[in-house]
Amino acid sequence: MSRTSTPEIAPARPDDFAAIADLVRQASLPLDGLREQMGAALVARTTGETVQIVGTVALELYGREALLRSLVVASPWRGRGLGLALAQAALELARSRGVERVFLLTETAAGFFPRLGFEPVERSAIPASVQQSVELRSACPASAQAMALSLSVTGSRGTP
């Protein structure tokens, strides 16, 4: 795998699902319902000799609210800011789709997401529209930390 080229973040294509699923499985994150979210998924692709998907993130869109899910960076690429770049790109995508609040569940990254402005919330504070997600209904355990972020309509970003 070429680790010298900087990955480009772009919308996922339908034929990217197998590579995305591999990354998500490797990170022990739930795959349930992810295929249905491919229209709001992003990938990080290497641009060198061998093009590979080395990161991914997806949104589940529910009107003015969204669930950020499946943020994964392949282990050789961790610690280079790619996870932050993917998350910021997903938040920009959410803004462009009219989302005002983004929620997420995490078991392992509660210390990462405050850099983007996410704050812990009670799971019961997640709106009923987002509660429809299979991730909230059954895929993530009750012990997962719920977090929320209000998006500015002016397009300001969370700061790293």
N, C-alpha and C. Protein backbone atom coordinates (compact mmCIF):
# COMPACT_ATOMS: atom_id res chain seq x y z
N MET A 1 0.84 -1.17 0.00
CA MET A 1 0.00 0.00 0.00
C MET A 1 0.89 1.24 0.00
N SER A 2 0.61 2.15 -0.91
CA SER A 2 1.34 3.42 -0.96
C SER A 2 0.84 4.34 0.12
N ARG A 3 1.75 4.77 1.00
CA ARG A 3 1.36 5.68 2.07
C ARG A 3 1.91 7.08 1.82
N THR A 4 2.46 7.31 0.64
CA THR A 4 3.07 8.61 0.37
C THR A 4 2.09 9.60 -0.24
N SER A 5 1.09 9.15 -0.95
CA SER A 5 0.14 10.08 -1.56
C SER A 5 -0.91 10.49 -0.53
N THR A 6 -1.35 11.73 -0.61
CA THR A 6 -2.38 12.22 0.29
C THR A 6 -3.74 11.75 -0.23
N PRO A 7 -4.52 11.10 0.62
CA PRO A 7 -5.84 10.65 0.17
C PRO A 7 -6.76 11.82 -0.15
N GLU A 8 -7.61 11.61 -1.13
CA GLU A 8 -8.62 12.59 -1.50
C GLU A 8 -9.96 12.13 -0.96
N ILE A 9 -10.71 13.06 -0.37
CA ILE A 9 -12.03 12.75 0.16
C ILE A 9 -13.06 13.07 -0.91
N ALA A 10 -13.93 12.08 -1.17
CA ALA A 10 -14.92 12.21 -2.24
C ALA A 10 -16.17 11.40 -1.87
N PRO A 11 -17.28 11.69 -2.54
CA PRO A 11 -18.48 10.87 -2.31
C PRO A 11 -18.20 9.41 -2.64
N ALA A 12 -18.78 8.53 -1.84
CA ALA A 12 -18.66 7.10 -2.10
C ALA A 12 -19.47 6.74 -3.34
N ARG A 13 -18.97 5.76 -4.06
CA ARG A 13 -19.68 5.20 -5.22
C ARG A 13 -20.28 3.86 -4.80
N PRO A 14 -21.32 3.42 -5.48
CA PRO A 14 -21.93 2.13 -5.12
C PRO A 14 -20.92 0.98 -5.10
N ASP A 15 -19.96 1.00 -6.01
CA ASP A 15 -18.99 -0.10 -6.04
C ASP A 15 -17.92 0.01 -4.95
N ASP A 16 -17.99 1.04 -4.11
CA ASP A 16 -17.07 1.20 -2.98
C ASP A 16 -17.54 0.41 -1.75
N PHE A 17 -18.75 -0.11 -1.79
CA PHE A 17 -19.32 -0.67 -0.56
C PHE A 17 -18.49 -1.81 0.02
N ALA A 18 -17.95 -2.69 -0.79
CA ALA A 18 -17.17 -3.82 -0.25
C ALA A 18 -15.96 -3.31 0.53
N ALA A 19 -15.25 -2.33 -0.01
CA ALA A 19 -14.08 -1.77 0.69
C ALA A 19 -14.50 -1.04 1.96
N ILE A 20 -15.61 -0.31 1.90
CA ILE A 20 -16.13 0.39 3.08
C ILE A 20 -16.50 -0.63 4.15
N ALA A 21 -17.20 -1.67 3.75
CA ALA A 21 -17.62 -2.71 4.70
C ALA A 21 -16.41 -3.36 5.36
N ASP A 22 -15.35 -3.59 4.60
CA ASP A 22 -14.13 -4.17 5.18
C ASP A 22 -13.55 -3.25 6.26
N LEU A 23 -13.47 -1.95 5.97
CA LEU A 23 -12.95 -1.00 6.96
C LEU A 23 -13.82 -0.98 8.22
N VAL A 24 -15.12 -0.95 8.02
CA VAL A 24 -16.06 -0.88 9.14
C VAL A 24 -15.95 -2.14 9.99
N ARG A 25 -15.86 -3.31 9.34
CA ARG A 25 -15.70 -4.57 10.08
C ARG A 25 -14.40 -4.58 10.87
N GLN A 26 -13.31 -4.13 10.24
CA GLN A 26 -12.00 -4.11 10.92
C GLN A 26 -12.03 -3.24 12.17
N ALA A 27 -12.85 -2.20 12.15
CA ALA A 27 -12.97 -1.30 13.31
C ALA A 27 -14.02 -1.79 14.31
N SER A 28 -14.62 -2.94 14.03
CA SER A 28 -15.67 -3.52 14.89
C SER A 28 -16.86 -2.59 15.07
N LEU A 29 -17.19 -1.85 14.00
CA LEU A 29 -18.37 -0.99 14.00
C LEU A 29 -19.51 -1.72 13.31
N PRO A 30 -20.75 -1.34 13.62
CA PRO A 30 -21.89 -2.04 13.01
C PRO A 30 -22.07 -1.69 11.53
N LEU A 31 -22.35 -2.72 10.75
CA LEU A 31 -22.65 -2.54 9.32
C LEU A 31 -24.15 -2.37 9.08
N ASP A 32 -24.97 -2.73 10.04
CA ASP A 32 -26.41 -2.69 9.89
C ASP A 32 -26.87 -1.35 9.33
N GLY A 33 -27.58 -1.39 8.21
CA GLY A 33 -28.15 -0.19 7.61
C GLY A 33 -27.18 0.68 6.84
N LEU A 34 -25.91 0.34 6.81
CA LEU A 34 -24.93 1.20 6.15
C LEU A 34 -25.11 1.24 4.63
N ARG A 35 -25.41 0.10 4.03
CA ARG A 35 -25.58 0.08 2.56
C ARG A 35 -26.64 1.08 2.11
N GLU A 36 -27.68 1.26 2.92
CA GLU A 36 -28.75 2.18 2.56
C GLU A 36 -28.32 3.65 2.66
N GLN A 37 -27.17 3.91 3.26
CA GLN A 37 -26.70 5.30 3.44
C GLN A 37 -25.60 5.68 2.45
N MET A 38 -25.36 4.88 1.44
CA MET A 38 -24.27 5.14 0.50
C MET A 38 -24.42 6.48 -0.22
N GLY A 39 -25.62 7.00 -0.35
CA GLY A 39 -25.82 8.30 -0.99
C GLY A 39 -25.31 9.47 -0.15
N ALA A 40 -25.01 9.21 1.12
CA ALA A 40 -24.47 10.25 2.00
C ALA A 40 -23.21 9.73 2.71
N ALA A 41 -22.43 8.95 1.96
CA ALA A 41 -21.18 8.42 2.49
C ALA A 41 -20.01 9.04 1.73
N LEU A 42 -18.91 9.19 2.44
CA LEU A 42 -17.68 9.72 1.86
C LEU A 42 -16.57 8.70 2.05
N VAL A 43 -15.60 8.75 1.16
CA VAL A 43 -14.42 7.90 1.30
C VAL A 43 -13.17 8.73 1.12
N ALA A 44 -12.09 8.24 1.68
CA ALA A 44 -10.76 8.81 1.44
C ALA A 44 -10.02 7.79 0.57
N ARG A 45 -9.63 8.23 -0.63
CA ARG A 45 -8.94 7.35 -1.58
C ARG A 45 -7.50 7.81 -1.75
N THR A 46 -6.59 6.87 -1.79
CA THR A 46 -5.21 7.21 -2.13
C THR A 46 -5.18 7.57 -3.61
N THR A 47 -4.22 8.37 -3.98
CA THR A 47 -4.13 8.83 -5.37
C THR A 47 -2.85 8.36 -6.04
N GLY A 48 -2.10 7.50 -5.38
CA GLY A 48 -0.84 7.01 -5.94
C GLY A 48 -1.05 5.94 -6.98
N GLU A 49 -0.03 5.13 -7.14
CA GLU A 49 -0.04 4.05 -8.12
C GLU A 49 -1.23 3.11 -7.93
N THR A 50 -1.46 2.73 -6.67
CA THR A 50 -2.57 1.85 -6.34
C THR A 50 -3.62 2.66 -5.59
N VAL A 51 -4.79 2.80 -6.18
CA VAL A 51 -5.87 3.54 -5.54
C VAL A 51 -6.56 2.61 -4.55
N GLN A 52 -6.64 3.07 -3.29
CA GLN A 52 -7.30 2.30 -2.25
C GLN A 52 -8.16 3.22 -1.41
N ILE A 53 -9.22 2.65 -0.85
CA ILE A 53 -10.03 3.38 0.11
C ILE A 53 -9.40 3.16 1.48
N VAL A 54 -8.99 4.26 2.11
CA VAL A 54 -8.29 4.17 3.39
C VAL A 54 -9.06 4.84 4.53
N GLY A 55 -10.26 5.33 4.24
CA GLY A 55 -11.10 5.92 5.26
C GLY A 55 -12.51 6.10 4.76
N THR A 56 -13.43 6.22 5.69
CA THR A 56 -14.83 6.40 5.32
C THR A 56 -15.61 7.03 6.47
N VAL A 57 -16.72 7.63 6.13
CA VAL A 57 -17.68 8.17 7.08
C VAL A 57 -19.02 8.24 6.35
N ALA A 58 -20.11 8.15 7.10
CA ALA A 58 -21.43 8.23 6.48
C ALA A 58 -22.37 9.05 7.36
N LEU A 59 -23.40 9.54 6.72
CA LEU A 59 -24.49 10.23 7.41
C LEU A 59 -25.78 9.48 7.16
N GLU A 60 -26.60 9.42 8.16
CA GLU A 60 -27.99 9.01 7.98
C GLU A 60 -28.78 10.30 8.11
N LEU A 61 -29.49 10.67 7.06
CA LEU A 61 -30.21 11.95 7.02
C LEU A 61 -31.67 11.76 7.41
N TYR A 62 -32.12 12.62 8.32
CA TYR A 62 -33.50 12.60 8.80
C TYR A 62 -34.02 14.03 8.82
N GLY A 63 -34.24 14.60 7.65
CA GLY A 63 -34.72 15.98 7.56
C GLY A 63 -33.65 16.94 8.04
N ARG A 64 -33.95 17.71 9.08
CA ARG A 64 -33.02 18.70 9.62
C ARG A 64 -32.01 18.10 10.60
N GLU A 65 -32.09 16.78 10.81
CA GLU A 65 -31.17 16.10 11.71
C GLU A 65 -30.48 14.96 10.99
N ALA A 66 -29.31 14.58 11.51
CA ALA A 66 -28.56 13.49 10.89
C ALA A 66 -27.82 12.72 11.97
N LEU A 67 -27.48 11.50 11.63
CA LEU A 67 -26.63 10.66 12.46
C LEU A 67 -25.32 10.46 11.73
N LEU A 68 -24.23 10.84 12.35
CA LEU A 68 -22.90 10.60 11.80
C LEU A 68 -22.50 9.20 12.23
N ARG A 69 -22.04 8.41 11.28
CA ARG A 69 -21.71 7.02 11.61
C ARG A 69 -20.55 6.51 10.78
N SER A 70 -19.98 5.43 11.27
CA SER A 70 -18.98 4.66 10.54
C SER A 70 -17.76 5.47 10.14
N LEU A 71 -17.28 6.32 11.03
CA LEU A 71 -16.04 7.05 10.78
C LEU A 71 -14.88 6.10 11.07
N VAL A 72 -14.15 5.74 10.03
CA VAL A 72 -13.06 4.77 10.14
C VAL A 72 -11.90 5.23 9.27
N VAL A 73 -10.69 5.08 9.80
CA VAL A 73 -9.46 5.29 9.03
C VAL A 73 -8.64 4.01 9.16
N ALA A 74 -8.15 3.51 8.04
CA ALA A 74 -7.30 2.32 8.06
C ALA A 74 -6.09 2.55 8.95
N SER A 75 -5.70 1.54 9.71
CA SER A 75 -4.66 1.72 10.73
C SER A 75 -3.36 2.34 10.21
N PRO A 76 -2.86 2.03 9.01
CA PRO A 76 -1.62 2.68 8.57
C PRO A 76 -1.75 4.19 8.35
N TRP A 77 -2.99 4.67 8.27
CA TRP A 77 -3.24 6.09 7.99
C TRP A 77 -3.65 6.88 9.21
N ARG A 78 -3.78 6.23 10.35
CA ARG A 78 -4.21 6.92 11.57
C ARG A 78 -3.11 7.85 12.06
N GLY A 79 -3.53 8.90 12.76
CA GLY A 79 -2.60 9.85 13.33
C GLY A 79 -2.10 10.90 12.35
N ARG A 80 -2.76 11.01 11.20
CA ARG A 80 -2.36 11.97 10.17
C ARG A 80 -3.42 13.04 9.91
N GLY A 81 -4.47 13.05 10.73
CA GLY A 81 -5.52 14.04 10.55
C GLY A 81 -6.61 13.63 9.57
N LEU A 82 -6.53 12.41 9.06
CA LEU A 82 -7.52 11.98 8.06
C LEU A 82 -8.90 11.80 8.68
N GLY A 83 -8.97 11.28 9.90
CA GLY A 83 -10.26 11.13 10.57
C GLY A 83 -10.95 12.47 10.77
N LEU A 84 -10.17 13.45 11.20
CA LEU A 84 -10.71 14.80 11.37
C LEU A 84 -11.18 15.37 10.04
N ALA A 85 -10.40 15.19 8.99
CA ALA A 85 -10.78 15.70 7.67
C ALA A 85 -12.05 15.02 7.16
N LEU A 86 -12.17 13.72 7.37
CA LEU A 86 -13.39 13.01 6.96
C LEU A 86 -14.60 13.52 7.74
N ALA A 87 -14.44 13.68 9.06
CA ALA A 87 -15.55 14.16 9.87
C ALA A 87 -15.97 15.57 9.45
N GLN A 88 -15.00 16.45 9.20
CA GLN A 88 -15.32 17.81 8.76
C GLN A 88 -16.02 17.79 7.40
N ALA A 89 -15.58 16.92 6.50
CA ALA A 89 -16.23 16.81 5.20
C ALA A 89 -17.67 16.33 5.35
N ALA A 90 -17.89 15.39 6.28
CA ALA A 90 -19.25 14.91 6.52
C ALA A 90 -20.13 16.01 7.08
N LEU A 91 -19.58 16.84 7.96
CA LEU A 91 -20.36 17.96 8.51
C LEU A 91 -20.68 18.99 7.44
N GLU A 92 -19.76 19.22 6.53
CA GLU A 92 -20.03 20.11 5.40
C GLU A 92 -21.13 19.53 4.50
N LEU A 93 -21.07 18.23 4.27
CA LEU A 93 -22.12 17.57 3.50
C LEU A 93 -23.46 17.73 4.21
N ALA A 94 -23.47 17.54 5.51
CA ALA A 94 -24.72 17.71 6.27
C ALA A 94 -25.26 19.12 6.11
N ARG A 95 -24.39 20.13 6.25
CA ARG A 95 -24.83 21.52 6.07
C ARG A 95 -25.42 21.73 4.68
N SER A 96 -24.76 21.18 3.68
CA SER A 96 -25.22 21.37 2.29
C SER A 96 -26.57 20.71 2.05
N ARG A 97 -26.93 19.75 2.89
CA ARG A 97 -28.21 19.06 2.76
C ARG A 97 -29.26 19.64 3.72
N GLY A 98 -28.94 20.76 4.36
CA GLY A 98 -29.92 21.43 5.22
C GLY A 98 -30.01 20.91 6.64
N VAL A 99 -29.04 20.11 7.06
CA VAL A 99 -29.06 19.56 8.41
C VAL A 99 -28.68 20.64 9.41
N GLU A 100 -29.40 20.69 10.52
CA GLU A 100 -29.14 21.66 11.58
C GLU A 100 -28.49 21.04 12.81
N ARG A 101 -28.75 19.75 13.05
CA ARG A 101 -28.15 19.06 14.20
C ARG A 101 -27.68 17.68 13.79
N VAL A 102 -26.48 17.33 14.26
CA VAL A 102 -25.90 16.02 13.97
C VAL A 102 -25.68 15.30 15.29
N PHE A 103 -26.03 14.04 15.29
CA PHE A 103 -25.88 13.18 16.46
C PHE A 103 -24.95 12.04 16.10
N LEU A 104 -24.41 11.39 17.12
CA LEU A 104 -23.61 10.19 16.90
C LEU A 104 -23.61 9.36 18.17
N LEU A 105 -23.22 8.12 18.02
CA LEU A 105 -23.01 7.21 19.14
C LEU A 105 -21.57 6.71 19.04
N THR A 106 -20.88 6.63 20.15
CA THR A 106 -19.52 6.11 20.12
C THR A 106 -19.22 5.33 21.41
N GLU A 107 -18.44 4.29 21.24
CA GLU A 107 -17.95 3.54 22.39
C GLU A 107 -16.47 3.82 22.63
N THR A 108 -15.78 4.30 21.60
CA THR A 108 -14.32 4.41 21.70
C THR A 108 -13.76 5.80 21.39
N ALA A 109 -14.58 6.71 20.86
CA ALA A 109 -14.03 7.98 20.38
C ALA A 109 -14.67 9.21 21.03
N ALA A 110 -15.15 9.07 22.26
CA ALA A 110 -15.79 10.21 22.93
C ALA A 110 -14.80 11.35 23.15
N GLY A 111 -13.51 11.08 23.17
CA GLY A 111 -12.51 12.12 23.32
C GLY A 111 -12.15 12.82 22.02
N PHE A 112 -12.47 12.19 20.89
CA PHE A 112 -12.16 12.74 19.57
C PHE A 112 -13.17 13.80 19.14
N PHE A 113 -14.44 13.51 19.29
CA PHE A 113 -15.48 14.34 18.70
C PHE A 113 -15.64 15.74 19.28
N PRO A 114 -15.28 16.01 20.53
CA PRO A 114 -15.34 17.40 21.01
C PRO A 114 -14.48 18.36 20.20
N ARG A 115 -13.44 17.87 19.53
CA ARG A 115 -12.62 18.74 18.67
C ARG A 115 -13.44 19.34 17.54
N LEU A 116 -14.54 18.68 17.20
CA LEU A 116 -15.43 19.16 16.15
C LEU A 116 -16.61 19.93 16.72
N GLY A 117 -16.69 20.04 18.04
CA GLY A 117 -17.78 20.75 18.67
C GLY A 117 -18.87 19.87 19.23
N PHE A 118 -18.75 18.54 19.10
CA PHE A 118 -19.76 17.64 19.65
C PHE A 118 -19.69 17.66 21.16
N GLU A 119 -20.87 17.55 21.78
CA GLU A 119 -20.97 17.49 23.23
C GLU A 119 -21.78 16.26 23.63
N PRO A 120 -21.44 15.66 24.76
CA PRO A 120 -22.22 14.51 25.23
C PRO A 120 -23.67 14.92 25.51
N VAL A 121 -24.60 14.03 25.18
CA VAL A 121 -26.01 14.22 25.50
C VAL A 121 -26.57 12.88 25.96
N GLU A 122 -27.68 12.95 26.63
CA GLU A 122 -28.39 11.72 26.99
C GLU A 122 -28.95 11.12 25.70
N ARG A 123 -28.94 9.83 25.61
CA ARG A 123 -29.48 9.16 24.42
C ARG A 123 -30.94 9.54 24.21
N SER A 124 -31.65 9.78 25.29
CA SER A 124 -33.06 10.17 25.19
C SER A 124 -33.25 11.55 24.56
N ALA A 125 -32.17 12.35 24.47
CA ALA A 125 -32.24 13.68 23.86
C ALA A 125 -32.20 13.62 22.34
N ILE A 126 -31.90 12.46 21.79
CA ILE A 126 -31.86 12.31 20.34
C ILE A 126 -33.30 12.30 19.83
N PRO A 127 -33.61 13.14 18.83
CA PRO A 127 -34.99 13.26 18.34
C PRO A 127 -35.55 11.93 17.81
N ALA A 128 -36.85 11.82 17.87
CA ALA A 128 -37.54 10.62 17.41
C ALA A 128 -37.20 10.28 15.97
N SER A 129 -37.01 11.31 15.12
CA SER A 129 -36.70 11.04 13.71
C SER A 129 -35.39 10.25 13.59
N VAL A 130 -34.39 10.61 14.38
CA VAL A 130 -33.09 9.93 14.33
C VAL A 130 -33.16 8.59 15.06
N GLN A 131 -34.06 8.48 16.01
CA GLN A 131 -34.21 7.21 16.74
C GLN A 131 -34.65 6.08 15.82
N GLN A 132 -35.09 6.41 14.60
CA GLN A 132 -35.47 5.39 13.62
C GLN A 132 -34.26 4.58 13.16
N SER A 133 -33.07 5.13 13.29
CA SER A 133 -31.87 4.47 12.80
C SER A 133 -31.69 3.09 13.43
N VAL A 134 -31.32 2.13 12.61
CA VAL A 134 -31.04 0.79 13.12
C VAL A 134 -29.87 0.84 14.10
N GLU A 135 -28.99 1.81 13.92
CA GLU A 135 -27.86 1.96 14.83
C GLU A 135 -28.35 2.27 16.25
N LEU A 136 -29.35 3.11 16.36
CA LEU A 136 -29.90 3.44 17.68
C LEU A 136 -30.84 2.36 18.20
N ARG A 137 -31.58 1.74 17.30
CA ARG A 137 -32.55 0.74 17.73
C ARG A 137 -31.91 -0.55 18.18
N SER A 138 -30.82 -0.98 17.49
CA SER A 138 -30.31 -2.30 17.83
C SER A 138 -28.81 -2.51 17.61
N ALA A 139 -28.17 -1.76 16.73
CA ALA A 139 -26.79 -2.08 16.37
C ALA A 139 -25.77 -1.62 17.41
N CYS A 140 -26.02 -0.49 18.06
CA CYS A 140 -25.07 0.03 19.06
C CYS A 140 -25.59 -0.29 20.45
N PRO A 141 -24.71 -0.71 21.34
CA PRO A 141 -25.16 -1.04 22.69
C PRO A 141 -25.60 0.19 23.47
N ALA A 142 -26.39 -0.04 24.50
CA ALA A 142 -26.88 1.06 25.34
C ALA A 142 -25.74 1.81 26.01
N SER A 143 -24.58 1.18 26.12
CA SER A 143 -23.43 1.83 26.76
C SER A 143 -22.75 2.86 25.86
N ALA A 144 -23.09 2.92 24.58
CA ALA A 144 -22.48 3.89 23.66
C ALA A 144 -22.83 5.31 24.08
N GLN A 145 -21.84 6.19 24.05
CA GLN A 145 -22.04 7.60 24.40
C GLN A 145 -22.73 8.32 23.25
N ALA A 146 -23.82 9.01 23.53
CA ALA A 146 -24.50 9.85 22.54
C ALA A 146 -23.87 11.23 22.59
N MET A 147 -23.71 11.82 21.42
CA MET A 147 -23.14 13.17 21.32
C MET A 147 -23.94 13.95 20.28
N ALA A 148 -23.91 15.28 20.39
CA ALA A 148 -24.68 16.13 19.48
C ALA A 148 -23.88 17.37 19.12
N LEU A 149 -24.18 17.89 17.94
CA LEU A 149 -23.57 19.12 17.44
C LEU A 149 -24.63 19.91 16.70
N SER A 150 -24.78 21.18 17.05
CA SER A 150 -25.65 22.08 16.29
C SER A 150 -24.80 22.72 15.21
N LEU A 151 -25.27 22.64 13.98
CA LEU A 151 -24.53 23.21 12.86
C LEU A 151 -24.96 24.64 12.63
N SER A 152 -24.00 25.48 12.34
CA SER A 152 -24.27 26.86 12.01
C SER A 152 -24.68 26.95 10.56
N VAL A 153 -25.70 27.73 10.28
CA VAL A 153 -26.11 27.92 8.89
C VAL A 153 -25.13 28.78 8.12
N THR A 154 -24.21 29.46 8.84
CA THR A 154 -23.23 30.29 8.17
C THR A 154 -22.04 29.49 7.65
N GLY A 155 -21.99 28.21 8.03
CA GLY A 155 -20.93 27.35 7.50
C GLY A 155 -19.67 27.31 8.33
N SER A 156 -19.71 27.79 9.58
CA SER A 156 -18.50 27.70 10.39
C SER A 156 -18.26 26.25 10.77
N ARG A 157 -16.99 25.92 10.96
CA ARG A 157 -16.61 24.55 11.27
C ARG A 157 -16.20 24.44 12.73
N GLY A 158 -16.26 23.19 13.20
CA GLY A 158 -15.65 22.91 14.49
C GLY A 158 -14.16 23.09 14.34
N THR A 159 -13.47 23.42 15.38
CA THR A 159 -12.04 23.65 15.29
C THR A 159 -11.28 22.44 15.79
N PRO A 160 -10.21 22.09 15.10
CA PRO A 160 -9.43 20.93 15.53
C PRO A 160 -8.69 21.22 16.82
